[in-house]
């Protein structure tokens, strides 16, 4: 199945931090190929071909296919962590901060659904060192959401008997948007983000 095109959203020039241009083109091609075929079924020739380059040109910028996946995963997880920490550190009630975190996190996963599928679901294809690095970032994202929920419980805003389990459920719900979001669908990324923010506040028993 061919990967659906992504929308640009808010702060986007996609992968603007990747330079030079040839390295960025290869990374964009890798995202498309990994999302469409899976990491293991994609060859370096596939990636180079999508980028309009020779296979030899790929190795000038990336030593291995796994290095490409690591770069994609690192940038994506850094962005996810930044989104969640920005919301967690903002002023306002726990309910306001949790809603903001979910709106932004879901909105990113919808607007960048192709990228997000690779970032979130190809983790096991990374080598041990790179996988350890990315798992550490995921734990930090988990902690950002868990801290907001704990704040809400302490303040009497949330009714959550199991904070770790609820945190996992919230993040899983948000991340799964990348699996099904379709730019041709009825809802925009922002609308899906607002819907999920409301669902999560109901999940934690937020006081109206």
C-alpha atoms as a PDB file:
ATOM      1  CA  UNK A   1       0.000   0.000   0.000  1.00  0.00           C
ATOM      2  CA  UNK A   2       1.406   3.370  -0.970  1.00  0.00           C
ATOM      3  CA  UNK A   3       2.048   5.837   1.834  1.00  0.00           C
ATOM      4  CA  UNK A   4      -0.412   8.734   1.863  1.00  0.00           C
ATOM      5  CA  UNK A   5       1.057  12.199   1.431  1.00  0.00           C
ATOM      6  CA  UNK A   6       1.553  14.271   4.540  1.00  0.00           C
ATOM      7  CA  UNK A   7       0.300  17.756   5.134  1.00  0.00           C
ATOM      8  CA  UNK A   8       2.549  20.550   6.235  1.00  0.00           C
ATOM      9  CA  UNK A   9       1.465  21.818   9.618  1.00  0.00           C
ATOM     10  CA  UNK A  10       2.401  24.883  11.578  1.00  0.00           C
ATOM     11  CA  UNK A  11       6.181  24.945  11.971  1.00  0.00           C
ATOM     12  CA  UNK A  12       6.898  22.850   8.906  1.00  0.00           C
ATOM     13  CA  UNK A  13       9.514  22.832   6.473  1.00  0.00           C
ATOM     14  CA  UNK A  14       9.759  19.072   6.840  1.00  0.00           C
ATOM     15  CA  UNK A  15      13.247  17.935   7.891  1.00  0.00           C
ATOM     16  CA  UNK A  16      14.668  21.449   7.528  1.00  0.00           C
ATOM     17  CA  UNK A  17      17.277  20.561  10.165  1.00  0.00           C
ATOM     18  CA  UNK A  18      18.802  17.954   7.842  1.00  0.00           C
ATOM     19  CA  UNK A  19      21.535  19.312   5.600  1.00  0.00           C
ATOM     20  CA  UNK A  20      22.840  19.341   2.931  1.00  0.00           C
ATOM     21  CA  UNK A  21      19.905  19.079   0.533  1.00  0.00           C
ATOM     22  CA  UNK A  22      20.996  15.670  -0.774  1.00  0.00           C
ATOM     23  CA  UNK A  23      20.977  14.222   2.750  1.00  0.00           C
ATOM     24  CA  UNK A  24      17.494  15.651   3.325  1.00  0.00           C
ATOM     25  CA  UNK A  25      16.187  14.211   0.033  1.00  0.00           C
ATOM     26  CA  UNK A  26      17.512  10.782   0.983  1.00  0.00           C
ATOM     27  CA  UNK A  27      15.924  10.990   4.424  1.00  0.00           C
ATOM     28  CA  UNK A  28      12.538  11.999   2.980  1.00  0.00           C
ATOM     29  CA  UNK A  29      12.778   9.121   0.500  1.00  0.00           C
ATOM     30  CA  UNK A  30      13.631   6.722   3.327  1.00  0.00           C
ATOM     31  CA  UNK A  31      10.598   7.827   5.353  1.00  0.00           C
ATOM     32  CA  UNK A  32       8.326   7.168   2.389  1.00  0.00           C
ATOM     33  CA  UNK A  33       9.903   3.786   1.636  1.00  0.00           C
ATOM     34  CA  UNK A  34       9.939   2.579   5.254  1.00  0.00           C
ATOM     35  CA  UNK A  35       6.303   3.633   5.748  1.00  0.00           C
ATOM     36  CA  UNK A  36       5.187   1.941   2.547  1.00  0.00           C
ATOM     37  CA  UNK A  37       7.272  -1.255   2.595  1.00  0.00           C
ATOM     38  CA  UNK A  38       8.656  -1.540   6.107  1.00  0.00           C
ATOM     39  CA  UNK A  39      12.284  -1.129   7.101  1.00  0.00           C
ATOM     40  CA  UNK A  40      13.416  -4.685   6.414  1.00  0.00           C
ATOM     41  CA  UNK A  41      11.808  -4.885   2.967  1.00  0.00           C
ATOM     42  CA  UNK A  42      13.368  -1.584   1.851  1.00  0.00           C
ATOM     43  CA  UNK A  43      16.785  -1.574   0.196  1.00  0.00           C
ATOM     44  CA  UNK A  44      19.269   1.266  -0.093  1.00  0.00           C
ATOM     45  CA  UNK A  45      18.660   1.085  -3.846  1.00  0.00           C
ATOM     46  CA  UNK A  46      14.941   1.726  -3.227  1.00  0.00           C
ATOM     47  CA  UNK A  47      15.763   4.797  -1.150  1.00  0.00           C
ATOM     48  CA  UNK A  48      18.300   6.212  -3.589  1.00  0.00           C
ATOM     49  CA  UNK A  49      15.922   5.648  -6.496  1.00  0.00           C
ATOM     50  CA  UNK A  50      13.115   7.572  -4.777  1.00  0.00           C
ATOM     51  CA  UNK A  51      15.536  10.425  -4.135  1.00  0.00           C
ATOM     52  CA  UNK A  52      16.618  10.446  -7.790  1.00  0.00           C
ATOM     53  CA  UNK A  53      20.174   9.504  -6.835  1.00  0.00           C
ATOM     54  CA  UNK A  54      22.534   6.587  -7.348  1.00  0.00           C
ATOM     55  CA  UNK A  55      22.950   3.966  -4.581  1.00  0.00           C
ATOM     56  CA  UNK A  56      26.568   5.032  -4.192  1.00  0.00           C
ATOM     57  CA  UNK A  57      25.449   8.602  -3.434  1.00  0.00           C
ATOM     58  CA  UNK A  58      23.550   7.406  -0.360  1.00  0.00           C
ATOM     59  CA  UNK A  59      26.722   6.216   1.358  1.00  0.00           C
ATOM     60  CA  UNK A  60      28.263   9.672   1.102  1.00  0.00           C
ATOM     61  CA  UNK A  61      25.685  10.878   3.643  1.00  0.00           C
ATOM     62  CA  UNK A  62      24.677   7.736   5.568  1.00  0.00           C
ATOM     63  CA  UNK A  63      26.951   4.807   6.293  1.00  0.00           C
ATOM     64  CA  UNK A  64      24.089   2.316   6.556  1.00  0.00           C
ATOM     65  CA  UNK A  65      20.335   2.013   6.155  1.00  0.00           C
ATOM     66  CA  UNK A  66      20.114   1.710   9.939  1.00  0.00           C
ATOM     67  CA  UNK A  67      21.861   5.075  10.338  1.00  0.00           C
ATOM     68  CA  UNK A  68      19.109   6.609   8.207  1.00  0.00           C
ATOM     69  CA  UNK A  69      16.426   5.053  10.391  1.00  0.00           C
ATOM     70  CA  UNK A  70      18.200   6.282  13.518  1.00  0.00           C
ATOM     71  CA  UNK A  71      18.319   9.860  12.192  1.00  0.00           C
ATOM     72  CA  UNK A  72      14.612   9.747  11.367  1.00  0.00           C
ATOM     73  CA  UNK A  73      13.764   8.245  14.741  1.00  0.00           C
ATOM     74  CA  UNK A  74      15.936  10.669  16.716  1.00  0.00           C
ATOM     75  CA  UNK A  75      14.482  13.763  15.054  1.00  0.00           C
ATOM     76  CA  UNK A  76      10.934  12.457  15.460  1.00  0.00           C
ATOM     77  CA  UNK A  77      11.360  11.535  19.119  1.00  0.00           C
ATOM     78  CA  UNK A  78      13.055  14.859  19.894  1.00  0.00           C
ATOM     79  CA  UNK A  79      10.047  16.630  18.367  1.00  0.00           C
ATOM     80  CA  UNK A  80       7.580  14.498  20.331  1.00  0.00           C
ATOM     81  CA  UNK A  81       9.425  15.167  23.583  1.00  0.00           C
ATOM     82  CA  UNK A  82       9.557  18.903  22.876  1.00  0.00           C
ATOM     83  CA  UNK A  83       5.791  18.969  22.258  1.00  0.00           C
ATOM     84  CA  UNK A  84       5.022  17.186  25.521  1.00  0.00           C
ATOM     85  CA  UNK A  85       7.508  19.109  27.663  1.00  0.00           C
ATOM     86  CA  UNK A  86       6.282  22.446  26.308  1.00  0.00           C
ATOM     87  CA  UNK A  87       2.761  21.568  27.423  1.00  0.00           C
ATOM     88  CA  UNK A  88       3.897  20.110  30.751  1.00  0.00           C
ATOM     89  CA  UNK A  89       5.931  23.213  31.623  1.00  0.00           C
ATOM     90  CA  UNK A  90       3.261  25.723  30.587  1.00  0.00           C
ATOM     91  CA  UNK A  91       1.217  27.676  33.150  1.00  0.00           C
ATOM     92  CA  UNK A  92      -2.324  26.580  33.884  1.00  0.00           C
ATOM     93  CA  UNK A  93      -4.195  23.769  35.544  1.00  0.00           C
ATOM     94  CA  UNK A  94      -3.302  20.126  35.052  1.00  0.00           C
ATOM     95  CA  UNK A  95      -6.406  19.705  32.890  1.00  0.00           C
ATOM     96  CA  UNK A  96      -5.382  22.615  30.668  1.00  0.00           C
ATOM     97  CA  UNK A  97      -1.838  21.295  30.321  1.00  0.00           C
ATOM     98  CA  UNK A  98      -2.937  17.714  29.630  1.00  0.00           C
ATOM     99  CA  UNK A  99      -5.410  18.900  26.997  1.00  0.00           C
ATOM    100  CA  UNK A 100      -2.698  21.032  25.361  1.00  0.00           C
ATOM    101  CA  UNK A 101      -0.252  18.117  25.383  1.00  0.00           C
ATOM    102  CA  UNK A 102      -2.739  15.755  23.758  1.00  0.00           C
ATOM    103  CA  UNK A 103      -3.930  18.309  21.181  1.00  0.00           C
ATOM    104  CA  UNK A 104      -0.368  19.036  20.064  1.00  0.00           C
ATOM    105  CA  UNK A 105       0.880  15.449  20.235  1.00  0.00           C
ATOM    106  CA  UNK A 106      -2.082  14.046  18.308  1.00  0.00           C
ATOM    107  CA  UNK A 107      -1.973  16.924  15.829  1.00  0.00           C
ATOM    108  CA  UNK A 108       1.662  16.157  15.038  1.00  0.00           C
ATOM    109  CA  UNK A 109       0.991  12.437  14.609  1.00  0.00           C
ATOM    110  CA  UNK A 110      -1.890  13.201  12.255  1.00  0.00           C
ATOM    111  CA  UNK A 111      -0.177  15.905  10.197  1.00  0.00           C
ATOM    112  CA  UNK A 112       2.976  13.760   9.956  1.00  0.00           C
ATOM    113  CA  UNK A 113       1.294  10.367   9.895  1.00  0.00           C
ATOM    114  CA  UNK A 114       3.757   8.828   7.417  1.00  0.00           C
ATOM    115  CA  UNK A 115       6.781   9.982   9.400  1.00  0.00           C
ATOM    116  CA  UNK A 116       5.142   9.076  12.711  1.00  0.00           C
ATOM    117  CA  UNK A 117       4.519   5.489  11.602  1.00  0.00           C
ATOM    118  CA  UNK A 118       8.226   5.063  10.954  1.00  0.00           C
ATOM    119  CA  UNK A 119       9.268   6.895  14.123  1.00  0.00           C
ATOM    120  CA  UNK A 120       6.892   4.994  16.405  1.00  0.00           C
ATOM    121  CA  UNK A 121       6.695   1.533  14.863  1.00  0.00           C
ATOM    122  CA  UNK A 122      10.158   0.713  13.472  1.00  0.00           C
ATOM    123  CA  UNK A 123      11.950   0.931  16.812  1.00  0.00           C
ATOM    124  CA  UNK A 124      12.883  -2.758  16.856  1.00  0.00           C
ATOM    125  CA  UNK A 125      14.818  -2.389  13.596  1.00  0.00           C
ATOM    126  CA  UNK A 126      17.397  -0.146  15.286  1.00  0.00           C
ATOM    127  CA  UNK A 127      20.700  -1.550  16.487  1.00  0.00           C
ATOM    128  CA  UNK A 128      21.115  -2.029  20.230  1.00  0.00           C
ATOM    129  CA  UNK A 129      22.978   1.236  20.893  1.00  0.00           C
ATOM    130  CA  UNK A 130      20.561   3.368  18.906  1.00  0.00           C
ATOM    131  CA  UNK A 131      17.531   1.564  20.293  1.00  0.00           C
ATOM    132  CA  UNK A 132      18.720   2.233  23.862  1.00  0.00           C
ATOM    133  CA  UNK A 133      19.071   5.925  23.018  1.00  0.00           C
ATOM    134  CA  UNK A 134      15.545   6.157  21.576  1.00  0.00           C
ATOM    135  CA  UNK A 135      13.979   4.181  24.424  1.00  0.00           C
ATOM    136  CA  UNK A 136      15.472   6.732  26.829  1.00  0.00           C
ATOM    137  CA  UNK A 137      13.731   9.530  24.902  1.00  0.00           C
ATOM    138  CA  UNK A 138      10.448   7.625  25.003  1.00  0.00           C
ATOM    139  CA  UNK A 139      10.774   7.309  28.773  1.00  0.00           C
ATOM    140  CA  UNK A 140      11.211  11.067  29.027  1.00  0.00           C
ATOM    141  CA  UNK A 141       8.028  11.576  26.984  1.00  0.00           C
ATOM    142  CA  UNK A 142       6.237   9.151  29.271  1.00  0.00           C
ATOM    143  CA  UNK A 143       7.492  11.087  32.305  1.00  0.00           C
ATOM    144  CA  UNK A 144       6.240  14.417  30.921  1.00  0.00           C
ATOM    145  CA  UNK A 145       2.688  13.078  30.610  1.00  0.00           C
ATOM    146  CA  UNK A 146       2.863  11.166  33.894  1.00  0.00           C
ATOM    147  CA  UNK A 147       3.926  14.345  35.715  1.00  0.00           C
ATOM    148  CA  UNK A 148       0.894  16.250  34.418  1.00  0.00           C
ATOM    149  CA  UNK A 149      -1.445  13.460  35.495  1.00  0.00           C
ATOM    150  CA  UNK A 150       0.197  13.262  38.920  1.00  0.00           C
ATOM    151  CA  UNK A 151      -0.243  17.034  39.290  1.00  0.00           C
ATOM    152  CA  UNK A 152      -3.934  16.636  38.494  1.00  0.00           C
ATOM    153  CA  UNK A 153      -4.359  13.836  41.016  1.00  0.00           C
ATOM    154  CA  UNK A 154      -2.636  15.839  43.769  1.00  0.00           C
ATOM    155  CA  UNK A 155      -4.762  18.901  42.994  1.00  0.00           C
ATOM    156  CA  UNK A 156      -7.975  16.872  43.038  1.00  0.00           C
ATOM    157  CA  UNK A 157      -8.597  17.596  39.348  1.00  0.00           C
ATOM    158  CA  UNK A 158      -8.234  13.973  38.174  1.00  0.00           C
ATOM    159  CA  UNK A 159      -9.530  10.659  39.467  1.00  0.00           C
ATOM    160  CA  UNK A 160      -6.812   8.219  38.387  1.00  0.00           C
ATOM    161  CA  UNK A 161      -6.226   5.074  40.496  1.00  0.00           C
ATOM    162  CA  UNK A 162      -3.285   3.904  38.346  1.00  0.00           C
ATOM    163  CA  UNK A 163      -1.183   6.771  37.004  1.00  0.00           C
ATOM    164  CA  UNK A 164       1.484   4.693  35.158  1.00  0.00           C
ATOM    165  CA  UNK A 165      -1.158   2.562  33.417  1.00  0.00           C
ATOM    166  CA  UNK A 166      -3.223   5.614  32.495  1.00  0.00           C
ATOM    167  CA  UNK A 167      -0.143   7.380  31.139  1.00  0.00           C
ATOM    168  CA  UNK A 168       0.579   4.391  28.901  1.00  0.00           C
ATOM    169  CA  UNK A 169      -3.041   4.347  27.698  1.00  0.00           C
ATOM    170  CA  UNK A 170      -2.990   8.072  26.886  1.00  0.00           C
ATOM    171  CA  UNK A 171       0.238   7.868  24.900  1.00  0.00           C
ATOM    172  CA  UNK A 172      -0.855   4.707  23.071  1.00  0.00           C
ATOM    173  CA  UNK A 173      -4.142   6.357  22.103  1.00  0.00           C
ATOM    174  CA  UNK A 174      -2.333   9.409  20.744  1.00  0.00           C
ATOM    175  CA  UNK A 175       0.369   7.507  18.864  1.00  0.00           C
ATOM    176  CA  UNK A 176      -2.125   5.184  17.175  1.00  0.00           C
ATOM    177  CA  UNK A 177      -3.495   8.143  15.200  1.00  0.00           C
ATOM    178  CA  UNK A 178      -0.519   7.681  12.873  1.00  0.00           C
ATOM    179  CA  UNK A 179      -1.879   4.273  11.847  1.00  0.00           C
ATOM    180  CA  UNK A 180      -5.264   5.420  10.584  1.00  0.00           C
ATOM    181  CA  UNK A 181      -5.162   9.152   9.839  1.00  0.00           C
ATOM    182  CA  UNK A 182      -5.992  10.005   6.242  1.00  0.00           C
ATOM    183  CA  UNK A 183      -5.553  13.493   4.806  1.00  0.00           C
ATOM    184  CA  UNK A 184      -8.628  12.836   2.647  1.00  0.00           C
ATOM    185  CA  UNK A 185     -10.753  12.129   5.728  1.00  0.00           C
ATOM    186  CA  UNK A 186     -13.388  14.306   7.331  1.00  0.00           C
ATOM    187  CA  UNK A 187     -11.265  15.728  10.156  1.00  0.00           C
ATOM    188  CA  UNK A 188      -8.150  17.900  10.075  1.00  0.00           C
ATOM    189  CA  UNK A 189      -5.176  17.202  12.365  1.00  0.00           C
ATOM    190  CA  UNK A 190      -6.310  20.032  14.661  1.00  0.00           C
ATOM    191  CA  UNK A 191      -9.832  18.636  14.844  1.00  0.00           C
ATOM    192  CA  UNK A 192      -8.562  15.174  15.708  1.00  0.00           C
ATOM    193  CA  UNK A 193      -6.317  16.731  18.349  1.00  0.00           C
ATOM    194  CA  UNK A 194      -9.275  18.523  19.932  1.00  0.00           C
ATOM    195  CA  UNK A 195     -11.372  15.342  19.880  1.00  0.00           C
ATOM    196  CA  UNK A 196      -8.643  13.312  21.577  1.00  0.00           C
ATOM    197  CA  UNK A 197      -7.994  16.022  24.173  1.00  0.00           C
ATOM    198  CA  UNK A 198     -11.644  15.777  25.205  1.00  0.00           C
ATOM    199  CA  UNK A 199     -11.485  11.964  25.287  1.00  0.00           C
ATOM    200  CA  UNK A 200      -8.375  11.973  27.471  1.00  0.00           C
ATOM    201  CA  UNK A 201      -9.852  14.466  29.943  1.00  0.00           C
ATOM    202  CA  UNK A 202     -12.853  12.154  30.278  1.00  0.00           C
ATOM    203  CA  UNK A 203     -10.452   9.216  30.730  1.00  0.00           C
ATOM    204  CA  UNK A 204      -8.760  10.852  33.709  1.00  0.00           C
ATOM    205  CA  UNK A 205     -12.057  11.976  35.235  1.00  0.00           C
ATOM    206  CA  UNK A 206     -11.263  15.665  34.881  1.00  0.00           C
ATOM    207  CA  UNK A 207     -13.553  17.842  36.985  1.00  0.00           C
ATOM    208  CA  UNK A 208     -15.636  20.172  34.797  1.00  0.00           C
END
